[in-house]
Amino acid sequence: MALRFGVLDQSPVLCVFVICARSSAEAERLATSINLRRVHMARGIDAPVPTLEEARAHRCSEPERTYVEQQRARGSARWH
């Protein structure tokens, strides 16, 4: 199954994911739920942001991992 994002209407949308943590490792751990949410959105799964437990239990396929990395690279910023 290909990962793709479909446009349902022409209304502008802004979505911002912000992760705040004391360390980069903790921020990466917290981001796992957002990463899985990105995969869900690409697959058309309309569900709340997964819990950390749900995200940890999910085994990402290689295409999913690549998709998440591409999405994160689009607008990532790190402030220390």
N, C-alpha and C. Protein backbone atom coordinates (compact mmCIF):
# COMPACT_ATOMS: atom_id res chain seq x y z
N MET A 1 0.84 -1.17 0.00
CA MET A 1 0.00 0.00 0.00
C MET A 1 0.89 1.24 0.00
N ALA A 2 0.69 2.10 -0.95
CA ALA A 2 1.48 3.33 -1.04
C ALA A 2 1.00 4.34 -0.01
N LEU A 3 1.95 5.08 0.53
CA LEU A 3 1.61 6.15 1.45
C LEU A 3 1.40 7.42 0.65
N ARG A 4 0.24 8.03 0.81
CA ARG A 4 -0.01 9.28 0.09
C ARG A 4 -1.01 10.10 0.90
N PHE A 5 -0.96 11.39 0.68
CA PHE A 5 -1.86 12.30 1.37
C PHE A 5 -2.85 12.83 0.37
N GLY A 6 -4.11 12.66 0.62
CA GLY A 6 -5.15 13.12 -0.29
C GLY A 6 -5.79 14.41 0.22
N VAL A 7 -6.04 15.33 -0.68
CA VAL A 7 -6.69 16.60 -0.32
C VAL A 7 -8.20 16.39 -0.42
N LEU A 8 -8.90 16.64 0.70
CA LEU A 8 -10.34 16.44 0.73
C LEU A 8 -11.10 17.69 0.35
N ASP A 9 -10.55 18.85 0.63
CA ASP A 9 -11.17 20.11 0.22
C ASP A 9 -10.07 21.13 -0.03
N GLN A 10 -10.47 22.33 -0.40
CA GLN A 10 -9.49 23.34 -0.76
C GLN A 10 -9.25 24.36 0.36
N SER A 11 -9.73 24.08 1.56
CA SER A 11 -9.54 25.00 2.67
C SER A 11 -8.10 24.93 3.18
N PRO A 12 -7.50 26.09 3.47
CA PRO A 12 -6.14 26.06 3.99
C PRO A 12 -6.12 25.45 5.40
N VAL A 13 -5.03 24.73 5.69
CA VAL A 13 -4.88 24.09 6.98
C VAL A 13 -3.44 24.30 7.46
N LEU A 14 -3.30 24.58 8.73
CA LEU A 14 -1.98 24.69 9.35
C LEU A 14 -1.93 23.72 10.50
N CYS A 15 -0.91 22.90 10.54
CA CYS A 15 -0.74 21.94 11.61
C CYS A 15 0.69 22.07 12.13
N VAL A 16 0.81 22.18 13.44
CA VAL A 16 2.13 22.34 14.04
C VAL A 16 2.29 21.28 15.12
N PHE A 17 3.38 20.52 15.04
CA PHE A 17 3.73 19.56 16.07
C PHE A 17 4.89 20.14 16.86
N VAL A 18 4.74 20.24 18.15
CA VAL A 18 5.81 20.77 19.00
C VAL A 18 6.10 19.74 20.08
N ILE A 19 7.35 19.40 20.24
CA ILE A 19 7.79 18.47 21.28
C ILE A 19 8.78 19.22 22.16
N CYS A 20 8.49 19.29 23.44
CA CYS A 20 9.39 19.93 24.40
C CYS A 20 9.86 18.88 25.39
N ALA A 21 11.17 18.81 25.58
CA ALA A 21 11.73 17.83 26.50
C ALA A 21 13.08 18.33 27.01
N ARG A 22 13.55 17.70 28.06
CA ARG A 22 14.84 18.09 28.65
C ARG A 22 16.04 17.60 27.84
N SER A 23 15.83 16.61 26.98
CA SER A 23 16.95 16.09 26.18
C SER A 23 16.44 15.70 24.79
N SER A 24 17.34 15.57 23.86
CA SER A 24 16.98 15.12 22.51
C SER A 24 16.44 13.70 22.54
N ALA A 25 17.01 12.86 23.38
CA ALA A 25 16.54 11.47 23.49
C ALA A 25 15.10 11.43 23.99
N GLU A 26 14.77 12.24 24.98
CA GLU A 26 13.41 12.29 25.49
C GLU A 26 12.46 12.86 24.44
N ALA A 27 12.91 13.86 23.70
CA ALA A 27 12.08 14.44 22.63
C ALA A 27 11.80 13.39 21.55
N GLU A 28 12.80 12.61 21.19
CA GLU A 28 12.60 11.55 20.20
C GLU A 28 11.62 10.50 20.70
N ARG A 29 11.70 10.15 21.98
CA ARG A 29 10.78 9.18 22.57
C ARG A 29 9.35 9.72 22.50
N LEU A 30 9.18 10.98 22.86
CA LEU A 30 7.86 11.60 22.84
C LEU A 30 7.32 11.73 21.41
N ALA A 31 8.21 11.89 20.45
CA ALA A 31 7.79 12.07 19.05
C ALA A 31 7.27 10.79 18.41
N THR A 32 7.47 9.64 19.05
CA THR A 32 7.02 8.40 18.43
C THR A 32 5.52 8.40 18.17
N SER A 33 4.74 9.00 19.07
CA SER A 33 3.29 9.03 18.85
C SER A 33 2.93 9.94 17.67
N ILE A 34 3.65 11.05 17.51
CA ILE A 34 3.42 11.94 16.37
C ILE A 34 3.83 11.26 15.08
N ASN A 35 4.95 10.52 15.13
CA ASN A 35 5.40 9.80 13.93
C ASN A 35 4.34 8.81 13.46
N LEU A 36 3.75 8.07 14.42
CA LEU A 36 2.71 7.11 14.05
C LEU A 36 1.47 7.85 13.55
N ARG A 37 1.17 8.98 14.11
CA ARG A 37 0.02 9.77 13.64
C ARG A 37 0.23 10.20 12.19
N ARG A 38 1.46 10.56 11.83
CA ARG A 38 1.76 10.91 10.44
C ARG A 38 1.44 9.74 9.50
N VAL A 39 1.84 8.54 9.92
CA VAL A 39 1.57 7.34 9.12
C VAL A 39 0.07 7.13 9.00
N HIS A 40 -0.64 7.28 10.11
CA HIS A 40 -2.10 7.13 10.07
C HIS A 40 -2.73 8.11 9.09
N MET A 41 -2.31 9.36 9.16
CA MET A 41 -2.88 10.38 8.26
C MET A 41 -2.60 10.01 6.80
N ALA A 42 -1.39 9.56 6.51
CA ALA A 42 -1.03 9.20 5.13
C ALA A 42 -1.85 8.02 4.64
N ARG A 43 -2.24 7.15 5.54
CA ARG A 43 -3.03 5.97 5.18
C ARG A 43 -4.53 6.23 5.23
N GLY A 44 -4.91 7.47 5.59
CA GLY A 44 -6.32 7.81 5.65
C GLY A 44 -7.02 7.30 6.91
N ILE A 45 -6.25 6.99 7.94
CA ILE A 45 -6.81 6.52 9.20
C ILE A 45 -7.14 7.74 10.05
N ASP A 46 -8.42 7.94 10.31
CA ASP A 46 -8.87 9.08 11.09
C ASP A 46 -8.99 8.65 12.55
N ALA A 47 -7.94 8.88 13.31
CA ALA A 47 -7.90 8.44 14.70
C ALA A 47 -7.14 9.49 15.51
N PRO A 48 -7.35 9.51 16.82
CA PRO A 48 -6.59 10.44 17.67
C PRO A 48 -5.10 10.12 17.62
N VAL A 49 -4.30 11.05 18.12
CA VAL A 49 -2.86 10.81 18.23
C VAL A 49 -2.66 9.58 19.12
N PRO A 50 -1.90 8.61 18.66
CA PRO A 50 -1.69 7.39 19.45
C PRO A 50 -0.96 7.71 20.77
N THR A 51 -1.19 6.87 21.75
CA THR A 51 -0.45 6.99 23.00
C THR A 51 0.98 6.55 22.77
N LEU A 52 1.85 6.87 23.72
CA LEU A 52 3.24 6.41 23.61
C LEU A 52 3.30 4.89 23.60
N GLU A 53 2.44 4.24 24.37
CA GLU A 53 2.42 2.78 24.41
C GLU A 53 2.02 2.20 23.05
N GLU A 54 1.00 2.80 22.43
CA GLU A 54 0.57 2.34 21.10
C GLU A 54 1.68 2.55 20.07
N ALA A 55 2.33 3.69 20.15
CA ALA A 55 3.41 3.99 19.20
C ALA A 55 4.58 3.04 19.39
N ARG A 56 4.92 2.74 20.64
CA ARG A 56 6.04 1.80 20.90
C ARG A 56 5.72 0.41 20.41
N ALA A 57 4.45 0.02 20.48
CA ALA A 57 4.04 -1.32 20.06
C ALA A 57 4.01 -1.48 18.53
N HIS A 58 3.90 -0.36 17.82
CA HIS A 58 3.82 -0.41 16.35
C HIS A 58 5.20 -0.65 15.76
N ARG A 59 5.29 -1.60 14.87
CA ARG A 59 6.55 -1.88 14.16
C ARG A 59 6.46 -1.25 12.78
N CYS A 60 7.17 -0.15 12.59
CA CYS A 60 7.13 0.57 11.31
C CYS A 60 7.80 -0.23 10.22
N SER A 61 7.17 -0.23 9.06
CA SER A 61 7.79 -0.83 7.88
C SER A 61 8.83 0.16 7.36
N GLU A 62 9.67 -0.30 6.47
CA GLU A 62 10.68 0.58 5.87
C GLU A 62 10.03 1.76 5.12
N PRO A 63 8.98 1.52 4.32
CA PRO A 63 8.32 2.67 3.66
C PRO A 63 7.74 3.66 4.66
N GLU A 64 7.18 3.17 5.76
CA GLU A 64 6.65 4.07 6.79
C GLU A 64 7.76 4.90 7.41
N ARG A 65 8.89 4.25 7.72
CA ARG A 65 10.04 4.96 8.31
C ARG A 65 10.55 6.05 7.37
N THR A 66 10.64 5.71 6.09
CA THR A 66 11.10 6.68 5.09
C THR A 66 10.13 7.84 5.01
N TYR A 67 8.83 7.54 4.99
CA TYR A 67 7.81 8.59 4.92
C TYR A 67 7.92 9.54 6.10
N VAL A 68 8.03 8.99 7.31
CA VAL A 68 8.14 9.82 8.51
C VAL A 68 9.39 10.70 8.45
N GLU A 69 10.51 10.14 8.04
CA GLU A 69 11.75 10.93 7.93
C GLU A 69 11.58 12.07 6.94
N GLN A 70 10.95 11.80 5.81
CA GLN A 70 10.71 12.85 4.81
C GLN A 70 9.81 13.94 5.37
N GLN A 71 8.76 13.55 6.06
CA GLN A 71 7.84 14.52 6.63
C GLN A 71 8.51 15.36 7.72
N ARG A 72 9.30 14.73 8.54
CA ARG A 72 9.99 15.47 9.61
C ARG A 72 11.00 16.44 9.04
N ALA A 73 11.62 16.07 7.93
CA ALA A 73 12.64 16.93 7.31
C ALA A 73 12.03 18.17 6.68
N ARG A 74 10.74 18.12 6.36
CA ARG A 74 10.10 19.26 5.69
C ARG A 74 10.13 20.53 6.52
N GLY A 75 10.05 20.42 7.79
CA GLY A 75 9.97 21.65 8.58
C GLY A 75 10.49 21.50 9.99
N SER A 76 11.51 20.69 10.14
CA SER A 76 12.00 20.49 11.50
C SER A 76 12.90 21.63 11.94
N ALA A 77 12.77 21.97 13.19
CA ALA A 77 13.62 22.97 13.80
C ALA A 77 13.94 22.49 15.20
N ARG A 78 15.16 22.67 15.61
CA ARG A 78 15.53 22.28 16.96
C ARG A 78 16.07 23.47 17.70
N TRP A 79 15.47 23.71 18.82
CA TRP A 79 15.92 24.80 19.69
C TRP A 79 16.45 24.19 20.96
N HIS A 80 17.62 24.63 21.33
CA HIS A 80 18.25 24.07 22.55
C HIS A 80 18.32 25.15 23.59
